[in-house]
Amino acid sequence: MSSDNTFRILISTDNHVGYLEDDQIRGKDSFQSFEEVLILAKQHNVDFILLGGDLFHHSQPSLYCLREVMGLIRQHLFGDKPCEFNICSDQSINFPSRFQQGCNVYDPNLNISIPIFTIHGNHDDPVGQENLSAMDLLASVGCANYFGRSHDLNDIKVYPILMAKGDTKLALYGLGNVRDERLHHAWRDGSVSFIRPAGNRENEEEEEEEEAQQSQEWLDNAFNMFVLHQNRVRHGPTSYIPEEFLDEFLDLVLWGHEHDCRIDPEPCHGKDICQPGSSVATSLAEGEALPKHVGLLEITGKEYSLQKIRLSTVRPFQFTSIQLSQVNELRNAMGDTKACQRYLYSVVEDLIGRAEEEWGQQQGDDDDDEQQQQQQKSMPLPLIRIRVDYSGGFEAFNVVVFGKKFVSRVANPRDILKFYRQRSTNGTTTTRRQRQQEVLNDPTASIPERLDNIRVETLVDEILGKNLEVLPENEMQDVVQKLIDKDDKNAVSSFIKQSVLRMKRSVDGENRTSIDDLSEQFVKRRATELKEDRFDSYAREQTARNSRRSRRENDAVDEDNE
């Protein structure tokens, strides 16, 4: 392949920089992996880096996290290397951030060797009063090119960044994360449209023929690539994006959000889907234990090739599942907790040995001095997770005490074990909720059993479902749920401020002849009345929302059945 006509792109998703940054053992993991991505981009002399969302783990990263990311980008991606491709589309549409005047490679005040193009994910999505993302900050200081944000969710238009390198044309489409249910309905209802190059320009009359010919060349010869950050696995009737929704004209789809590494392109409905997965483990799930990769994508004309590159700085992670009732040496040890512990100790030792072998394979032979310097040559403490099915008469025990034996040998000694029991699939939703409440209130049930049989919603209901004095309980439960699901740290404080302001306005609106009328008894009575009114009002809003959601899901199920 001629380098003059070939795009070289490093692809990566879900870097989650800042994850557990305060942890003494794992705090540097996400930063090291992200730095390795940047070093690989230099090593392979790519044209640009394409990120598929969730660069940051938090929507409002810490100052330390922002400083590290900006510093790493300046250290590895700034320089005098000339840009070898041109952007032919309207950059004011592609990069609408207020302080981003087009692609950063064209900024006369910056020297960019390797630009980053990125969308936002569900972790670093726009938040706050001004609805800003951390990506806006990176774009404002010239560290990244933020694209793919849709401001009108009722009419989502996906515009391409049109890039040309020699004879190769690339149309890069991107769509930042939108709540899955909402995007599913919008896509199904025809409210998501991809703007093809022919509709990307408004031409003067004398230039129409020439521009039409150029647009046709883009339509016929461009390699069409799309990057998105959504659920790929179905979690409910509409809480994912079906692969068949994607337009047929697309050649390659870069799918972010899913952490399992499925980087080898998978043919699907006339296009290929590439799912690189995360570059750092943010949970102790089985999919996170798969080897972590980034991809070197080369595009020439309408053809492409993808070389997967294993990340060598990722902390080793070993995962296994065990069903105690199927272990031969524990056949007659149902009530013998010590025997179970001895067996699980041996399993942990075996997994540590496997982690050491994997670390050796992970390092490989690398001749690049800078990358060798960045890598840790001695293996970091590995992550170990054993999922233990203790159904069949076995008893759970304290996992923290169990892990003390491995404090200096494992990165997560407090949660090596995850106890669970196989659940029965029978019973209605109401019955399951009743069982969860019974387990929660059962003092004889072990802690793992309680946690394994209840959901977050049940805990919230148990803790906050009491008789609060000022705040409406139903709205408070939803606010706490939002804090848990979206990591929205301002959700509770904003709710309390709004509730207090609402109460203050109500009290100020009362007809009182003197300040003495503002007695403690009066305030309590007025607060109770206001809380009850708001409780009833919010309950009606909940009922209306649930009714609309139920209708949409039923419509979706009917369409699936058809």
Protein backbone atom coordinates (compact mmCIF):
# COMPACT_ATOMS: atom_id res chain seq x y z
CA MET A 1 0.00 0.00 0.00
CA SER A 2 1.22 3.49 -0.84
CA SER A 3 1.50 5.63 2.30
CA ASP A 4 0.50 8.68 0.24
CA ASN A 5 -2.95 7.17 -0.30
CA THR A 6 -3.37 5.25 2.97
CA PHE A 7 -4.98 6.51 6.17
CA ARG A 8 -3.30 5.08 9.24
CA ILE A 9 -5.60 5.38 12.26
CA LEU A 10 -5.17 4.12 15.83
CA ILE A 11 -8.57 3.14 17.24
CA SER A 12 -9.38 2.81 20.93
CA THR A 13 -12.48 3.10 23.11
CA ASP A 14 -13.44 3.31 26.78
CA ASN A 15 -10.16 4.49 28.26
CA HIS A 16 -11.93 5.53 31.50
CA VAL A 17 -9.05 7.75 32.59
CA GLY A 18 -9.45 8.62 36.25
CA TYR A 19 -10.99 5.32 37.31
CA LEU A 20 -10.06 4.63 40.96
CA GLU A 21 -7.49 7.42 40.76
CA ASP A 22 -7.42 7.70 44.56
CA ASP A 23 -6.67 4.00 45.03
CA GLN A 24 -3.10 3.44 46.24
CA ILE A 25 -2.67 0.26 44.18
CA ARG A 26 -4.80 0.75 41.06
CA GLY A 27 -4.88 4.54 40.88
CA LYS A 28 -2.36 4.84 38.00
CA ASP A 29 -3.74 2.01 35.84
CA SER A 30 -5.98 4.07 33.57
CA PHE A 31 -3.30 6.75 33.06
CA GLN A 32 -0.65 4.18 32.12
CA SER A 33 -2.93 2.48 29.60
CA PHE A 34 -3.91 5.80 28.03
CA GLU A 35 -0.27 6.83 27.77
CA GLU A 36 0.51 3.52 26.06
CA VAL A 37 -2.19 4.28 23.47
CA LEU A 38 -0.51 7.62 22.72
CA ILE A 39 2.94 6.02 22.52
CA LEU A 40 1.65 3.37 20.11
CA ALA A 41 0.23 6.13 17.91
CA LYS A 42 3.70 7.70 17.67
CA GLN A 43 5.42 4.38 17.21
CA HIS A 44 3.19 3.43 14.26
CA ASN A 45 3.27 6.92 12.73
CA VAL A 46 -0.51 7.21 12.45
CA ASP A 47 -2.42 10.08 10.87
CA PHE A 48 -4.76 10.43 13.84
CA ILE A 49 -6.24 8.67 16.87
CA LEU A 50 -9.95 7.84 16.88
CA LEU A 51 -11.60 7.35 20.29
CA GLY A 52 -15.03 5.79 20.74
CA GLY A 53 -16.19 7.58 23.90
CA ASP A 54 -15.60 7.39 27.67
CA LEU A 55 -12.12 8.87 27.53
CA PHE A 56 -12.83 9.98 31.11
CA HIS A 57 -14.46 7.83 33.75
CA HIS A 58 -16.29 10.77 35.33
CA SER A 59 -18.39 13.44 33.69
CA GLN A 60 -16.56 16.01 35.84
CA PRO A 61 -12.96 14.77 36.06
CA SER A 62 -10.72 15.89 38.90
CA LEU A 63 -8.15 18.62 38.33
CA TYR A 64 -5.41 16.01 38.68
CA CYS A 65 -7.03 13.84 36.02
CA LEU A 66 -7.43 16.75 33.60
CA ARG A 67 -3.84 17.86 34.16
CA GLU A 68 -2.50 14.36 33.50
CA VAL A 69 -4.52 13.85 30.30
CA MET A 70 -3.63 17.25 28.87
CA GLY A 71 0.00 16.78 29.86
CA LEU A 72 0.23 13.34 28.21
CA ILE A 73 -1.38 14.64 25.02
CA ARG A 74 1.03 17.58 24.87
CA GLN A 75 4.00 15.32 25.62
CA HIS A 76 3.26 12.68 22.99
CA LEU A 77 1.04 14.24 20.31
CA PHE A 78 2.27 17.83 19.96
CA GLY A 79 5.15 18.45 17.56
CA ASP A 80 6.22 19.50 14.07
CA LYS A 81 5.09 16.42 12.15
CA PRO A 82 3.05 17.73 9.20
CA CYS A 83 -0.59 16.73 8.72
CA GLU A 84 -0.84 14.53 5.62
CA PHE A 85 -4.62 14.65 5.14
CA ASN A 86 -7.11 17.40 4.35
CA ILE A 87 -10.54 18.03 5.84
CA CYS A 88 -12.97 18.92 3.06
CA SER A 89 -16.22 19.31 5.00
CA ASP A 90 -17.59 22.35 6.83
CA GLN A 91 -15.61 22.34 10.08
CA SER A 92 -18.04 24.71 11.77
CA ILE A 93 -20.61 21.89 11.53
CA ASN A 94 -18.18 19.11 12.44
CA PHE A 95 -16.68 20.87 15.48
CA PRO A 96 -19.27 23.25 16.94
CA SER A 97 -17.54 23.83 20.30
CA ARG A 98 -17.45 27.55 21.06
CA PHE A 99 -13.67 27.90 21.33
CA GLN A 100 -12.72 25.23 18.80
CA GLN A 101 -12.08 26.98 15.50
CA GLY A 102 -12.06 23.92 13.27
CA CYS A 103 -9.72 20.95 13.55
CA ASN A 104 -6.77 21.60 15.86
CA VAL A 105 -4.21 20.72 13.17
CA TYR A 106 -5.22 23.94 11.38
CA ASP A 107 -4.86 26.13 14.47
CA PRO A 108 -1.91 28.52 13.78
CA ASN A 109 -1.22 28.72 17.51
CA LEU A 110 -0.67 24.97 17.92
CA ASN A 111 1.72 22.35 16.58
CA ILE A 112 -0.14 19.06 16.43
CA SER A 113 1.68 15.96 15.19
CA ILE A 114 -1.14 13.47 15.78
CA PRO A 115 -4.67 14.79 16.31
CA ILE A 116 -7.31 13.02 18.39
CA PHE A 117 -10.88 12.75 17.13
CA THR A 118 -13.38 11.68 19.78
CA ILE A 119 -17.07 11.47 20.63
CA HIS A 120 -18.43 11.51 24.18
CA GLY A 121 -19.61 8.40 26.01
CA ASN A 122 -22.10 7.84 28.79
CA HIS A 123 -19.46 8.51 31.48
CA ASP A 124 -18.16 11.80 30.08
CA ASP A 125 -21.42 13.03 28.56
CA PRO A 126 -22.52 16.70 28.80
CA VAL A 127 -23.77 17.71 32.27
CA GLY A 128 -24.42 20.79 34.36
CA GLN A 129 -26.15 24.08 33.77
CA GLU A 130 -24.32 24.78 30.51
CA ASN A 131 -24.58 21.13 29.40
CA LEU A 132 -20.84 20.77 28.85
CA SER A 133 -18.70 17.68 28.49
CA ALA A 134 -15.08 17.21 29.52
CA MET A 135 -14.55 16.81 25.78
CA ASP A 136 -15.51 20.48 25.37
CA LEU A 137 -12.64 21.38 27.68
CA LEU A 138 -10.11 19.31 25.72
CA ALA A 139 -11.39 20.82 22.47
CA SER A 140 -11.19 24.37 23.85
CA VAL A 141 -7.49 24.03 24.67
CA GLY A 142 -6.70 22.27 21.39
CA CYS A 143 -5.97 18.81 22.81
CA ALA A 144 -8.75 16.97 20.95
CA ASN A 145 -11.35 17.35 18.20
CA TYR A 146 -14.79 16.74 19.70
CA PHE A 147 -17.48 15.73 17.23
CA GLY A 148 -20.71 13.76 17.02
CA ARG A 149 -22.81 15.66 19.55
CA SER A 150 -26.49 15.99 18.72
CA HIS A 151 -28.34 19.00 20.15
CA ASP A 152 -31.82 18.07 18.90
CA LEU A 153 -32.72 14.57 20.05
CA ASN A 154 -36.04 14.72 18.20
CA ASP A 155 -34.23 15.12 14.87
CA ILE A 156 -30.74 13.61 15.08
CA LYS A 157 -28.59 14.46 12.07
CA VAL A 158 -25.18 12.77 11.79
CA TYR A 159 -22.78 14.85 9.68
CA PRO A 160 -19.56 13.36 8.30
CA ILE A 161 -16.05 14.70 8.64
CA LEU A 162 -14.83 14.42 5.05
CA MET A 163 -11.11 13.64 4.92
CA ALA A 164 -8.90 13.14 1.88
CA LYS A 165 -5.40 11.69 1.71
CA GLY A 166 -4.09 11.30 -1.82
CA ASP A 167 -6.72 9.38 -3.75
CA THR A 168 -8.40 7.98 -0.61
CA LYS A 169 -11.53 9.62 0.72
CA LEU A 170 -12.84 8.97 4.22
CA ALA A 171 -16.29 10.00 5.47
CA LEU A 172 -16.13 9.75 9.27
CA TYR A 173 -19.52 9.81 11.01
CA GLY A 174 -19.89 9.99 14.78
CA LEU A 175 -22.69 10.04 17.33
CA GLY A 176 -22.02 10.67 21.02
CA ASN A 177 -23.91 8.68 23.61
CA VAL A 178 -27.66 9.18 23.90
CA ARG A 179 -29.82 7.32 26.40
CA ASP A 180 -30.39 3.95 24.74
CA GLU A 181 -34.18 3.89 25.04
CA ARG A 182 -34.50 7.35 23.57
CA LEU A 183 -32.10 6.69 20.70
CA HIS A 184 -33.76 3.34 19.99
CA HIS A 185 -37.16 5.00 19.57
CA ALA A 186 -35.68 7.87 17.54
CA TRP A 187 -33.94 5.43 15.18
CA ARG A 188 -37.02 3.26 14.88
CA ASP A 189 -39.20 6.29 14.14
CA GLY A 190 -36.87 7.56 11.42
CA SER A 191 -35.56 10.52 13.44
CA VAL A 192 -31.89 9.58 12.92
CA SER A 193 -30.47 10.53 9.53
CA PHE A 194 -26.97 10.35 8.06
CA ILE A 195 -26.14 13.38 5.94
CA ARG A 196 -24.36 12.18 2.80
CA PRO A 197 -21.76 14.40 1.09
CA ALA A 198 -24.21 15.47 -1.64
CA GLY A 199 -26.22 17.31 0.97
CA ASN A 200 -23.24 18.78 2.75
CA ARG A 201 -22.79 21.95 0.69
CA GLU A 202 -24.87 24.88 -0.46
CA ASN A 203 -23.40 26.02 -3.81
CA GLU A 204 -23.54 29.11 -5.89
CA GLU A 205 -25.28 28.71 -9.25
CA GLU A 206 -22.14 28.80 -11.41
CA GLU A 207 -20.42 26.19 -9.20
CA GLU A 208 -23.29 23.72 -9.05
CA GLU A 209 -22.12 21.38 -11.78
CA GLU A 210 -18.54 21.10 -10.50
CA GLU A 211 -19.66 20.69 -6.90
CA ALA A 212 -22.23 18.08 -7.88
CA GLN A 213 -19.49 16.09 -9.60
CA GLN A 214 -17.26 16.29 -6.51
CA SER A 215 -20.14 15.23 -4.27
CA GLN A 216 -20.81 12.25 -6.51
CA GLU A 217 -17.15 11.24 -6.19
CA TRP A 218 -17.50 11.25 -2.41
CA LEU A 219 -20.69 9.19 -2.65
CA ASP A 220 -19.11 6.64 -4.99
CA ASN A 221 -15.54 6.42 -3.69
CA ALA A 222 -15.48 7.40 -0.01
CA PHE A 223 -14.88 4.84 2.73
CA ASN A 224 -17.77 5.36 5.17
CA MET A 225 -16.97 4.82 8.85
CA PHE A 226 -19.24 5.37 11.84
CA VAL A 227 -18.31 5.57 15.55
CA LEU A 228 -20.95 5.33 18.29
CA HIS A 229 -21.15 4.62 22.02
CA GLN A 230 -24.26 2.62 22.94
CA ASN A 231 -25.41 -0.72 24.31
CA ARG A 232 -24.80 -3.42 21.71
CA VAL A 233 -26.09 -6.24 23.92
CA ARG A 234 -29.83 -6.27 24.46
CA HIS A 235 -30.76 -5.41 28.07
CA GLY A 236 -34.46 -4.88 27.40
CA PRO A 237 -36.92 -4.21 24.57
CA THR A 238 -35.39 -0.81 23.75
CA SER A 239 -32.29 -0.47 25.95
CA TYR A 240 -29.85 -1.20 23.12
CA ILE A 241 -29.24 -0.36 19.47
CA PRO A 242 -29.91 -3.29 17.10
CA GLU A 243 -27.17 -3.78 14.54
CA GLU A 244 -29.74 -3.81 11.74
CA PHE A 245 -30.58 -0.17 12.54
CA LEU A 246 -27.23 0.92 11.06
CA ASP A 247 -27.41 2.22 7.49
CA GLU A 248 -26.29 -0.13 4.73
CA PHE A 249 -23.96 2.39 3.05
CA LEU A 250 -21.55 2.17 6.05
CA ASP A 251 -18.38 0.15 5.52
CA LEU A 252 -17.04 -0.07 9.08
CA VAL A 253 -18.57 0.66 12.49
CA LEU A 254 -16.43 1.38 15.58
CA TRP A 255 -18.60 0.39 18.55
CA GLY A 256 -17.79 1.86 21.95
CA HIS A 257 -19.32 1.29 25.39
CA GLU A 258 -19.07 -2.51 25.47
CA HIS A 259 -15.94 -3.47 27.42
CA ASP A 260 -15.47 -6.99 26.01
CA CYS A 261 -12.68 -6.94 23.43
CA ARG A 262 -14.13 -8.08 20.09
CA ILE A 263 -11.76 -6.06 17.98
CA ASP A 264 -11.66 -8.46 15.01
CA PRO A 265 -14.21 -7.04 12.51
CA GLU A 266 -17.47 -8.99 12.43
CA PRO A 267 -19.60 -8.89 9.24
CA CYS A 268 -23.15 -7.78 9.95
CA HIS A 269 -25.87 -6.72 7.49
CA GLY A 270 -23.44 -5.66 4.78
CA LYS A 271 -21.00 -3.81 7.05
CA ASP A 272 -18.23 -4.73 9.49
CA ILE A 273 -18.40 -4.00 13.22
CA CYS A 274 -15.28 -3.54 15.33
CA GLN A 275 -15.57 -3.49 19.13
CA PRO A 276 -12.14 -2.75 20.67
CA GLY A 277 -13.39 -2.85 24.27
CA SER A 278 -11.94 -0.95 27.21
CA SER A 279 -8.27 -0.31 27.90
CA VAL A 280 -8.67 -0.70 31.68
CA ALA A 281 -10.85 -3.02 33.77
CA THR A 282 -13.55 -1.00 35.53
CA SER A 283 -15.36 -4.02 36.95
CA LEU A 284 -14.44 -7.55 37.94
CA ALA A 285 -16.67 -9.08 35.26
CA GLU A 286 -15.65 -11.97 33.05
CA GLY A 287 -15.58 -9.86 29.88
CA GLU A 288 -12.99 -7.52 31.43
CA ALA A 289 -10.58 -10.44 31.84
CA LEU A 290 -10.16 -10.78 28.07
CA PRO A 291 -6.84 -9.43 26.71
CA LYS A 292 -7.03 -5.69 26.02
CA HIS A 293 -6.24 -4.40 22.51
CA VAL A 294 -6.22 -1.30 20.37
CA GLY A 295 -6.29 -1.40 16.58
CA LEU A 296 -4.12 -0.03 13.78
CA LEU A 297 -6.57 0.66 10.96
CA GLU A 298 -5.28 1.24 7.42
CA ILE A 299 -7.68 2.50 4.74
CA THR A 300 -6.79 2.70 1.05
CA GLY A 301 -9.61 3.54 -1.34
CA LYS A 302 -12.58 1.37 -0.36
CA GLU A 303 -10.43 -1.33 1.26
CA TYR A 304 -9.17 -1.56 4.81
CA SER A 305 -7.05 -3.78 7.04
CA LEU A 306 -6.92 -3.93 10.82
CA GLN A 307 -3.97 -5.00 12.93
CA LYS A 308 -4.81 -5.58 16.58
CA ILE A 309 -2.17 -4.54 19.10
CA ARG A 310 -2.22 -5.94 22.60
CA LEU A 311 -1.74 -3.42 25.38
CA SER A 312 1.23 -4.40 27.52
CA THR A 313 0.72 -2.14 30.55
CA VAL A 314 -2.73 -3.47 31.50
CA ARG A 315 -2.85 -5.02 34.98
CA PRO A 316 -3.30 -8.82 34.68
CA PHE A 317 -6.83 -10.01 35.50
CA GLN A 318 -7.83 -13.63 36.02
CA PHE A 319 -11.47 -14.67 36.33
CA THR A 320 -13.04 -18.05 37.00
CA SER A 321 -16.39 -19.48 38.16
CA ILE A 322 -16.74 -22.36 40.62
CA GLN A 323 -19.76 -24.38 41.66
CA LEU A 324 -18.89 -25.81 45.07
CA SER A 325 -21.39 -28.66 44.77
CA GLN A 326 -19.49 -29.92 41.68
CA VAL A 327 -16.05 -29.97 43.34
CA ASN A 328 -15.09 -33.59 44.10
CA GLU A 329 -13.00 -32.83 47.18
CA LEU A 330 -15.91 -30.89 48.73
CA ARG A 331 -18.59 -33.56 48.17
CA ASN A 332 -18.74 -34.34 51.90
CA ALA A 333 -17.86 -30.87 53.19
CA MET A 334 -21.14 -28.99 52.89
CA GLY A 335 -20.97 -27.56 56.39
CA ASP A 336 -17.19 -27.39 56.57
CA THR A 337 -16.30 -23.75 55.91
CA LYS A 338 -12.60 -24.36 56.58
CA ALA A 339 -12.44 -27.01 53.85
CA CYS A 340 -14.09 -24.61 51.37
CA GLN A 341 -11.61 -21.89 52.28
CA ARG A 342 -8.63 -24.21 51.81
CA TYR A 343 -9.90 -25.19 48.37
CA LEU A 344 -10.49 -21.56 47.34
CA TYR A 345 -7.01 -20.61 48.62
CA SER A 346 -5.58 -23.14 46.18
CA VAL A 347 -7.69 -21.70 43.36
CA VAL A 348 -6.36 -18.19 44.07
CA GLU A 349 -2.78 -19.51 44.03
CA ASP A 350 -3.43 -21.14 40.66
CA LEU A 351 -4.88 -17.90 39.24
CA ILE A 352 -1.89 -15.88 40.46
CA GLY A 353 0.34 -18.33 38.59
CA ARG A 354 -1.75 -17.90 35.44
CA ALA A 355 -1.51 -14.11 35.81
CA GLU A 356 2.29 -14.34 35.86
CA GLU A 357 2.25 -16.41 32.65
CA GLU A 358 -0.12 -13.95 30.99
CA TRP A 359 2.08 -11.01 32.00
CA GLY A 360 5.03 -12.61 30.26
CA GLN A 361 2.99 -13.16 27.09
CA GLN A 362 1.62 -9.63 27.36
CA GLN A 363 5.09 -8.05 27.29
CA GLY A 364 6.24 -9.83 24.13
CA ASP A 365 9.28 -8.57 22.27
CA ASP A 366 9.27 -4.81 21.95
CA ASP A 367 12.16 -2.89 20.45
CA ASP A 368 10.75 0.57 21.07
CA ASP A 369 12.81 2.23 23.83
CA GLU A 370 10.11 4.73 24.84
CA GLN A 371 7.47 2.04 25.17
CA GLN A 372 9.87 -0.21 27.09
CA GLN A 373 10.58 2.66 29.46
CA GLN A 374 6.85 3.26 29.99
CA GLN A 375 6.05 -0.39 30.69
CA GLN A 376 6.46 -1.91 34.09
CA LYS A 377 8.92 -4.75 33.79
CA SER A 378 7.90 -6.43 37.02
CA MET A 379 4.34 -7.67 37.12
CA PRO A 380 1.95 -5.42 39.06
CA LEU A 381 -0.33 -7.07 41.59
CA PRO A 382 -2.95 -8.96 39.57
CA LEU A 383 -6.72 -8.69 39.80
CA ILE A 384 -8.34 -11.98 40.83
CA ARG A 385 -12.05 -12.73 40.84
CA ILE A 386 -13.68 -16.07 41.68
CA ARG A 387 -17.42 -16.32 41.22
CA VAL A 388 -18.54 -18.91 43.76
CA ASP A 389 -21.89 -20.69 43.48
CA TYR A 390 -22.55 -21.90 47.01
CA SER A 391 -26.03 -23.35 46.41
CA GLY A 392 -26.62 -26.93 47.51
CA GLY A 393 -26.11 -26.57 51.26
CA PHE A 394 -22.81 -24.65 51.44
CA GLU A 395 -22.36 -21.53 53.54
CA ALA A 396 -20.86 -18.20 52.59
CA PHE A 397 -18.16 -16.66 54.75
CA ASN A 398 -16.48 -13.29 55.22
CA VAL A 399 -14.68 -12.43 51.95
CA VAL A 400 -12.64 -9.61 53.53
CA VAL A 401 -11.12 -11.95 56.12
CA PHE A 402 -10.47 -14.50 53.36
CA GLY A 403 -8.55 -11.94 51.31
CA LYS A 404 -6.19 -10.90 54.10
CA LYS A 405 -3.89 -13.76 53.16
CA PHE A 406 -3.30 -12.14 49.75
CA VAL A 407 -2.95 -8.48 50.75
CA SER A 408 0.57 -8.16 49.34
CA ARG A 409 -0.03 -10.44 46.34
CA VAL A 410 -3.36 -9.36 44.84
CA ALA A 411 -4.62 -5.90 43.88
CA ASN A 412 -8.16 -6.54 45.16
CA PRO A 413 -7.84 -8.65 48.34
CA ARG A 414 -11.15 -7.41 49.78
CA ASP A 415 -13.32 -8.71 46.93
CA ILE A 416 -11.57 -11.74 45.46
CA LEU A 417 -14.66 -13.87 46.03
CA LYS A 418 -18.17 -13.17 44.77
CA PHE A 419 -20.74 -15.48 46.36
CA TYR A 420 -24.03 -16.14 44.62
CA ARG A 421 -26.78 -18.71 44.42
CA GLN A 422 -28.54 -19.87 41.31
CA ARG A 423 -31.82 -18.04 41.21
CA SER A 424 -35.17 -19.47 40.33
CA THR A 425 -36.71 -17.84 37.25
CA ASN A 426 -40.26 -18.42 38.48
CA GLY A 427 -42.45 -15.82 40.10
CA THR A 428 -43.93 -12.43 39.23
CA THR A 429 -42.22 -9.09 39.67
CA THR A 430 -44.25 -8.41 42.82
CA THR A 431 -43.29 -11.78 44.28
CA ARG A 432 -39.60 -11.18 43.52
CA ARG A 433 -39.73 -7.79 45.20
CA GLN A 434 -41.36 -9.33 48.25
CA ARG A 435 -38.60 -11.96 48.41
CA GLN A 436 -35.95 -9.27 48.12
CA GLN A 437 -37.53 -7.33 50.99
CA GLU A 438 -37.73 -10.48 53.10
CA VAL A 439 -34.04 -11.27 52.51
CA LEU A 440 -33.09 -7.67 53.29
CA ASN A 441 -34.92 -7.82 56.63
CA ASP A 442 -33.72 -11.32 57.55
CA PRO A 443 -30.96 -10.93 60.19
CA THR A 444 -30.02 -14.62 59.85
CA ALA A 445 -29.17 -14.30 56.14
CA SER A 446 -25.50 -13.85 55.30
CA ILE A 447 -24.33 -10.54 53.84
CA PRO A 448 -23.42 -12.06 50.44
CA GLU A 449 -26.83 -13.68 50.27
CA ARG A 450 -28.55 -10.39 51.02
CA LEU A 451 -26.52 -8.51 48.40
CA ASP A 452 -27.04 -11.24 45.82
CA ASN A 453 -30.81 -11.25 46.17
CA ILE A 454 -31.62 -7.56 46.21
CA ARG A 455 -31.33 -4.71 43.76
CA VAL A 456 -30.17 -1.15 44.32
CA GLU A 457 -33.76 0.05 44.02
CA THR A 458 -34.74 -2.14 47.00
CA LEU A 459 -31.96 -0.69 49.16
CA VAL A 460 -32.94 2.85 48.20
CA ASP A 461 -36.57 2.12 49.02
CA GLU A 462 -35.60 0.58 52.37
CA ILE A 463 -33.34 3.44 53.46
CA LEU A 464 -35.24 6.43 52.07
CA GLY A 465 -38.76 5.06 52.04
CA LYS A 466 -39.31 6.29 55.58
CA ASN A 467 -41.38 9.27 56.61
CA LEU A 468 -39.12 12.23 55.77
CA GLU A 469 -40.00 15.59 57.27
CA VAL A 470 -39.48 17.96 54.33
CA LEU A 471 -38.46 16.06 51.18
CA PRO A 472 -40.96 13.94 49.22
CA GLU A 473 -39.81 10.31 49.53
CA ASN A 474 -40.69 9.19 46.00
CA GLU A 475 -38.75 12.00 44.34
CA MET A 476 -35.82 11.53 46.71
CA GLN A 477 -35.60 7.85 45.74
CA ASP A 478 -35.38 8.74 42.05
CA VAL A 479 -32.72 11.36 42.74
CA VAL A 480 -30.55 8.86 44.66
CA GLN A 481 -31.06 6.33 41.87
CA LYS A 482 -29.82 8.94 39.39
CA LEU A 483 -26.76 9.53 41.56
CA ILE A 484 -26.01 5.78 41.52
CA ASP A 485 -26.75 5.11 37.85
CA LYS A 486 -25.26 8.24 36.29
CA ASP A 487 -22.67 9.17 38.92
CA ASP A 488 -24.29 12.61 38.95
CA LYS A 489 -22.69 14.09 42.06
CA ASN A 490 -24.87 17.22 41.89
CA ALA A 491 -28.20 15.37 41.73
CA VAL A 492 -28.90 15.31 45.49
CA SER A 493 -27.63 18.82 46.24
CA SER A 494 -29.62 20.30 43.34
CA PHE A 495 -32.76 18.50 44.46
CA ILE A 496 -32.39 19.72 48.05
CA LYS A 497 -31.75 23.30 46.92
CA GLN A 498 -34.84 23.24 44.70
CA SER A 499 -36.96 21.77 47.52
CA VAL A 500 -35.77 24.36 50.04
CA LEU A 501 -36.31 27.19 47.53
CA ARG A 502 -39.81 25.90 46.80
CA MET A 503 -40.60 25.84 50.53
CA LYS A 504 -39.13 29.33 51.07
CA ARG A 505 -41.25 30.78 48.28
CA SER A 506 -44.36 29.16 49.74
CA VAL A 507 -43.67 30.50 53.23
CA ASP A 508 -42.86 33.98 51.87
CA GLY A 509 -46.17 33.95 50.00
CA GLU A 510 -48.22 33.51 53.17
CA ASN A 511 -50.19 36.52 54.50
CA ARG A 512 -48.65 37.32 57.88
CA THR A 513 -49.04 40.49 59.88
CA SER A 514 -45.76 40.21 61.82
CA ILE A 515 -42.56 38.24 62.09
CA ASP A 516 -43.98 36.51 65.15
CA ASP A 517 -46.39 34.64 62.88
CA LEU A 518 -43.36 32.72 61.50
CA SER A 519 -43.40 30.24 64.37
CA GLU A 520 -41.77 26.83 64.41
CA GLN A 521 -45.21 25.25 64.42
CA PHE A 522 -46.26 27.25 61.36
CA VAL A 523 -43.10 26.30 59.41
CA LYS A 524 -43.50 22.59 60.23
CA ARG A 525 -47.17 22.64 59.20
CA ARG A 526 -46.42 24.46 55.96
CA ALA A 527 -43.49 22.18 55.17
CA THR A 528 -45.63 19.09 55.69
CA GLU A 529 -48.39 20.46 53.45
CA LEU A 530 -45.90 21.38 50.76
CA LYS A 531 -44.20 17.97 50.94
CA GLU A 532 -47.51 16.13 50.64
CA ASP A 533 -48.55 18.28 47.66
CA ARG A 534 -45.22 17.63 45.94
CA PHE A 535 -45.41 13.89 46.75
CA ASP A 536 -48.83 13.64 45.08
CA SER A 537 -47.72 15.75 42.12
CA TYR A 538 -44.56 13.69 41.56
CA ALA A 539 -46.52 10.44 41.90
CA ARG A 540 -48.78 11.58 39.06
CA GLU A 541 -45.70 12.44 36.98
CA GLN A 542 -44.25 8.97 37.68
CA THR A 543 -47.48 7.29 36.66
CA ALA A 544 -47.61 9.24 33.41
CA ARG A 545 -43.94 8.45 32.63
CA ASN A 546 -44.36 4.76 33.38
CA SER A 547 -47.49 4.64 31.25
CA ARG A 548 -45.68 6.23 28.28
CA ARG A 549 -42.67 3.93 28.74
CA SER A 550 -44.92 0.87 28.94
CA ARG A 551 -46.71 1.86 25.73
CA ARG A 552 -43.42 2.37 23.91
CA GLU A 553 -42.03 -0.97 25.08
CA ASN A 554 -45.23 -2.77 24.12
CA ASP A 555 -45.06 -1.17 20.68
CA ALA A 556 -41.45 -2.29 20.35
CA VAL A 557 -42.32 -5.86 21.39
CA ASP A 558 -45.19 -5.92 18.88
CA GLU A 559 -42.81 -4.75 16.13
CA ASP A 560 -40.26 -7.40 17.11
CA ASN A 561 -42.96 -10.08 16.95
CA GLU A 562 -44.05 -8.88 13.53
